[in-house]
Amino acid sequence: MNQRPIRFRGWDKKEKKMVYFGDIASVCSKNWSHSDNTSWIRNNFIYQQFTGLKDKNGKEIWEGDIVEWIEDDLGEGNIVKYNGEVDFRGGGYCANGSPLGEYYEDENSPFEVIGNIMENKELLTKK
């Protein structure tokens, strides 16, 4: 059984950009440094965790990502396009309340990351 890597990213509320931290030890550090030697303060971030899954293009899926997928609704040839924010609930990662893991067959993903909730909230469709 393969274990997924535990990695984190954070939305820098001050700089309005996504920062990739790596492992939990990096997140738990009090401060980090930019390449220009300015400091990052832990409280300036909204943290998101890597789900361990990749989309159909091989892109990593993170909490807060907006994913899109198509499925045959009700199995009657009614093809419907869905999208939703990835979050953690009920013991697993979901989009629109549907567990992501249930959609993977033979490691193939039906999902495509189309943005994230911090930078592309307008991509979420109203349901």
C-alpha atoms as a PDB file:
ATOM      1  CA  MET A   1       0.000   0.000   0.000  1.00  0.00           C
ATOM      2  CA  ASN A   2       1.412   3.360  -1.023  1.00  0.00           C
ATOM      3  CA  GLN A   3       1.141   6.244   1.372  1.00  0.00           C
ATOM      4  CA  ARG A   4       0.536   9.671  -0.051  1.00  0.00           C
ATOM      5  CA  PRO A   5       3.097  12.387   0.593  1.00  0.00           C
ATOM      6  CA  ILE A   6       1.981  14.823   3.291  1.00  0.00           C
ATOM      7  CA  ARG A   7       2.648  18.259   1.836  1.00  0.00           C
ATOM      8  CA  PHE A   8       1.186  21.707   2.331  1.00  0.00           C
ATOM      9  CA  ARG A   9       0.716  24.956   0.518  1.00  0.00           C
ATOM     10  CA  GLY A  10      -0.656  28.231   1.803  1.00  0.00           C
ATOM     11  CA  TRP A  11      -2.410  31.266   0.438  1.00  0.00           C
ATOM     12  CA  ASP A  12      -0.390  34.289   1.540  1.00  0.00           C
ATOM     13  CA  LYS A  13      -3.135  36.715   2.561  1.00  0.00           C
ATOM     14  CA  LYS A  14      -0.775  39.701   2.457  1.00  0.00           C
ATOM     15  CA  GLU A  15       0.990  39.002  -0.846  1.00  0.00           C
ATOM     16  CA  LYS A  16      -2.110  37.397  -2.487  1.00  0.00           C
ATOM     17  CA  LYS A  17      -0.180  34.404  -3.841  1.00  0.00           C
ATOM     18  CA  MET A  18       0.143  30.665  -3.284  1.00  0.00           C
ATOM     19  CA  VAL A  19       3.271  29.409  -1.510  1.00  0.00           C
ATOM     20  CA  TYR A  20       4.320  25.749  -1.448  1.00  0.00           C
ATOM     21  CA  PHE A  21       5.880  24.692   1.870  1.00  0.00           C
ATOM     22  CA  GLY A  22       6.551  20.995   1.658  1.00  0.00           C
ATOM     23  CA  ASP A  23       6.179  18.825   4.760  1.00  0.00           C
ATOM     24  CA  ILE A  24       4.535  19.477   8.127  1.00  0.00           C
ATOM     25  CA  ALA A  25       7.834  20.508   9.744  1.00  0.00           C
ATOM     26  CA  SER A  26       8.005  23.412   7.307  1.00  0.00           C
ATOM     27  CA  VAL A  27       4.480  24.519   8.178  1.00  0.00           C
ATOM     28  CA  CYS A  28       5.102  24.298  11.935  1.00  0.00           C
ATOM     29  CA  SER A  29       8.142  26.572  11.786  1.00  0.00           C
ATOM     30  CA  LYS A  30       7.465  29.985  13.284  1.00  0.00           C
ATOM     31  CA  ASN A  31       8.800  31.979  10.333  1.00  0.00           C
ATOM     32  CA  TRP A  32      10.082  31.294   6.858  1.00  0.00           C
ATOM     33  CA  SER A  33      12.218  33.406   4.583  1.00  0.00           C
ATOM     34  CA  HIS A  34      11.629  34.589   1.051  1.00  0.00           C
ATOM     35  CA  SER A  35      14.530  34.498  -1.368  1.00  0.00           C
ATOM     36  CA  ASP A  36      14.865  38.257  -0.775  1.00  0.00           C
ATOM     37  CA  ASN A  37      15.324  37.581   2.995  1.00  0.00           C
ATOM     38  CA  THR A  38      11.956  39.041   4.018  1.00  0.00           C
ATOM     39  CA  SER A  39      10.030  36.914   6.514  1.00  0.00           C
ATOM     40  CA  TRP A  40       6.788  35.023   6.153  1.00  0.00           C
ATOM     41  CA  ILE A  41       4.654  34.961   9.277  1.00  0.00           C
ATOM     42  CA  ARG A  42       2.660  31.766   9.924  1.00  0.00           C
ATOM     43  CA  ASN A  43      -0.608  33.589  10.682  1.00  0.00           C
ATOM     44  CA  ASN A  44      -0.584  35.279   7.268  1.00  0.00           C
ATOM     45  CA  PHE A  45      -1.545  32.027   5.540  1.00  0.00           C
ATOM     46  CA  ILE A  46      -4.585  29.910   4.778  1.00  0.00           C
ATOM     47  CA  TYR A  47      -3.216  26.354   4.679  1.00  0.00           C
ATOM     48  CA  GLN A  48      -4.204  23.611   2.239  1.00  0.00           C
ATOM     49  CA  GLN A  49      -3.031  20.000   2.101  1.00  0.00           C
ATOM     50  CA  PHE A  50      -2.115  17.838  -0.901  1.00  0.00           C
ATOM     51  CA  THR A  51      -4.779  15.134  -1.419  1.00  0.00           C
ATOM     52  CA  GLY A  52      -2.362  12.567  -2.831  1.00  0.00           C
ATOM     53  CA  LEU A  53      -4.421  12.495  -6.051  1.00  0.00           C
ATOM     54  CA  LYS A  54      -3.667  13.821  -9.512  1.00  0.00           C
ATOM     55  CA  ASP A  55      -6.054  15.031 -12.182  1.00  0.00           C
ATOM     56  CA  LYS A  56      -6.394  13.580 -15.677  1.00  0.00           C
ATOM     57  CA  ASN A  57      -3.478  15.753 -16.845  1.00  0.00           C
ATOM     58  CA  GLY A  58      -1.168  14.627 -14.036  1.00  0.00           C
ATOM     59  CA  LYS A  59      -1.574  17.869 -12.037  1.00  0.00           C
ATOM     60  CA  GLU A  60      -1.640  17.492  -8.240  1.00  0.00           C
ATOM     61  CA  ILE A  61      -5.025  18.044  -6.560  1.00  0.00           C
ATOM     62  CA  TRP A  62      -4.923  20.159  -3.381  1.00  0.00           C
ATOM     63  CA  GLU A  63      -7.514  21.259  -0.852  1.00  0.00           C
ATOM     64  CA  GLY A  64      -9.043  24.453  -2.185  1.00  0.00           C
ATOM     65  CA  ASP A  65      -8.602  23.467  -5.826  1.00  0.00           C
ATOM     66  CA  ILE A  66     -11.584  23.737  -8.124  1.00  0.00           C
ATOM     67  CA  VAL A  67     -12.006  20.561 -10.147  1.00  0.00           C
ATOM     68  CA  GLU A  68     -14.277  19.804 -13.065  1.00  0.00           C
ATOM     69  CA  TRP A  69     -15.589  16.433 -14.219  1.00  0.00           C
ATOM     70  CA  ILE A  70     -18.189  14.971 -16.539  1.00  0.00           C
ATOM     71  CA  GLU A  71     -20.409  12.016 -15.724  1.00  0.00           C
ATOM     72  CA  ASP A  72     -23.449  10.208 -17.000  1.00  0.00           C
ATOM     73  CA  ASP A  73     -26.036  11.423 -14.498  1.00  0.00           C
ATOM     74  CA  LEU A  74     -28.439   8.620 -13.535  1.00  0.00           C
ATOM     75  CA  GLY A  75     -26.768   6.289 -16.056  1.00  0.00           C
ATOM     76  CA  GLU A  76     -29.251   7.179 -18.760  1.00  0.00           C
ATOM     77  CA  GLY A  77     -27.034   9.072 -21.192  1.00  0.00           C
ATOM     78  CA  ASN A  78     -27.646  12.408 -19.456  1.00  0.00           C
ATOM     79  CA  ILE A  79     -24.099  13.770 -19.612  1.00  0.00           C
ATOM     80  CA  VAL A  80     -23.598  16.465 -16.976  1.00  0.00           C
ATOM     81  CA  LYS A  81     -20.546  18.643 -16.300  1.00  0.00           C
ATOM     82  CA  TYR A  82     -19.855  19.306 -12.623  1.00  0.00           C
ATOM     83  CA  ASN A  83     -17.303  21.360 -10.744  1.00  0.00           C
ATOM     84  CA  GLY A  84     -16.569  21.911  -7.095  1.00  0.00           C
ATOM     85  CA  GLU A  85     -14.083  22.961  -4.476  1.00  0.00           C
ATOM     86  CA  VAL A  86     -11.951  20.184  -3.012  1.00  0.00           C
ATOM     87  CA  ASP A  87     -12.281  19.946   0.769  1.00  0.00           C
ATOM     88  CA  PHE A  88     -11.863  17.367   3.541  1.00  0.00           C
ATOM     89  CA  ARG A  89     -15.048  15.986   5.103  1.00  0.00           C
ATOM     90  CA  GLY A  90     -16.343  12.679   6.349  1.00  0.00           C
ATOM     91  CA  GLY A  91     -12.846  11.211   6.490  1.00  0.00           C
ATOM     92  CA  GLY A  92     -11.843  11.963   2.907  1.00  0.00           C
ATOM     93  CA  TYR A  93     -11.369  14.542   0.186  1.00  0.00           C
ATOM     94  CA  CYS A  94     -14.552  15.567  -1.617  1.00  0.00           C
ATOM     95  CA  ALA A  95     -15.828  17.908  -4.322  1.00  0.00           C
ATOM     96  CA  ASN A  96     -19.455  18.980  -3.978  1.00  0.00           C
ATOM     97  CA  GLY A  97     -19.740  16.418  -1.172  1.00  0.00           C
ATOM     98  CA  SER A  98     -18.793  13.485  -3.437  1.00  0.00           C
ATOM     99  CA  PRO A  99     -15.718  11.512  -2.320  1.00  0.00           C
ATOM    100  CA  LEU A 100     -12.958  11.960  -4.919  1.00  0.00           C
ATOM    101  CA  GLY A 101     -11.548   8.469  -4.383  1.00  0.00           C
ATOM    102  CA  GLU A 102     -14.766   6.825  -5.577  1.00  0.00           C
ATOM    103  CA  TYR A 103     -14.235   8.217  -9.074  1.00  0.00           C
ATOM    104  CA  TYR A 104     -10.804   6.678  -9.652  1.00  0.00           C
ATOM    105  CA  GLU A 105     -10.698   3.438 -11.616  1.00  0.00           C
ATOM    106  CA  ASP A 106      -7.345   1.850 -12.426  1.00  0.00           C
ATOM    107  CA  GLU A 107      -5.634   5.063 -11.257  1.00  0.00           C
ATOM    108  CA  ASN A 108      -7.337   7.108 -14.017  1.00  0.00           C
ATOM    109  CA  SER A 109      -8.821  10.405 -12.921  1.00  0.00           C
ATOM    110  CA  PRO A 110     -11.954  11.963 -14.395  1.00  0.00           C
ATOM    111  CA  PHE A 111     -11.093  15.300 -12.726  1.00  0.00           C
ATOM    112  CA  GLU A 112      -9.361  18.339 -14.144  1.00  0.00           C
ATOM    113  CA  VAL A 113      -8.000  21.102 -11.906  1.00  0.00           C
ATOM    114  CA  ILE A 114      -9.307  24.346 -13.396  1.00  0.00           C
ATOM    115  CA  GLY A 115      -8.225  26.747 -10.652  1.00  0.00           C
ATOM    116  CA  ASN A 116      -8.357  27.290  -6.903  1.00  0.00           C
ATOM    117  CA  ILE A 117     -10.766  28.944  -4.529  1.00  0.00           C
ATOM    118  CA  MET A 118      -8.362  31.757  -3.609  1.00  0.00           C
ATOM    119  CA  GLU A 119      -7.572  32.937  -7.127  1.00  0.00           C
ATOM    120  CA  ASN A 120     -10.511  31.694  -9.223  1.00  0.00           C
ATOM    121  CA  LYS A 121     -13.677  31.664  -7.091  1.00  0.00           C
ATOM    122  CA  GLU A 122     -15.679  32.760 -10.138  1.00  0.00           C
ATOM    123  CA  LEU A 123     -15.100  29.304 -11.695  1.00  0.00           C
ATOM    124  CA  LEU A 124     -17.473  27.651  -9.230  1.00  0.00           C
ATOM    125  CA  THR A 125     -20.871  27.104 -10.797  1.00  0.00           C
ATOM    126  CA  LYS A 126     -24.006  27.701  -8.780  1.00  0.00           C
ATOM    127  CA  LYS A 127     -25.894  24.497  -7.930  1.00  0.00           C
END
